[in-house]
Amino acid sequence: TCTSVKMVTASQLQLLQSPITALVSSISTSVSVKLDDSNYLNWHFQMKLLLESNGILGFVDGSHPCPARFSAISGDSVDNLLSSTDSDEYLVWMMHDKALMQLLTASLSPVAMSCAIGSTSSRELWIRLQEQFSTVSKTSIFQMKSNLQTIKKGSDSITQYLQKIKEARDYLSAAGVNFLDEDIAILALNGLPAEYNTFRTVIRGRESVISLKEFRTQLLAEEAILES
């Protein structure tokens, strides 16, 4: 007995071959880590940025839910009578969602893959990974906050020193822990060596709050003076 198969239209095939499927081959360059027990925050930040930049975050955060599978039959006297065939909107959405699941699984380590097995949608997979690995990563937030507050310039250049502070701040920001620019400037002052004492005194004596951009400019100028 032959089973009826709904044909995929040319427009649906074109959507299937959208950037979602094309992203799979380039995932290793877009997301630099394979998700495991130790790097969820790093993975989540990079993956969320990738999905946002391609307009597909709505599949996993719930803002672009699956449309109705069956559409109402137009012109019928019964208001709630539905077609028995899948709607084009549903088929296209499913194509995107399965491609997105493939994209997500391409960024997983073997231990994370075992958690993903059994997921039926990209949103379910996203939530499973969050529930499994974010709690593990939260244990490192306190350590990261401590590290940020104890970063020292040492032998680094000012550019290298400020980059270390920025990376630690960005990591914590991805975890929902935010610092004001003023706090970051204070932390940076505390990590400077003794030869920057005059600069430290001048900045702390300001009546107005200094922006990070201005702080960086003045600190680089002070570095140039000390080196000369």
Foldseek 3Di string as FASTA:
>chain_A
DDDDDDDDDPVLVVLLVDVLLVCQVVLCVQQVAADDQAQPLSRVVSVCVVCVVVVNVCQQVVVDDQDDQWACDPPDPDGPDTDPHGDNSNSSVLSSFVSNLSSNCSRHDPVLVVQQPPDDTNNSSVVSSCVVRVVSHVVCLVVLVVCLLAQACPPPDLVVSVVVNVVSQVSNVSVVDHDDQLVSLVSHLVRYDPVCVVVSVVQVPDPDRDGNVVSSVVVNVVSVVVVD
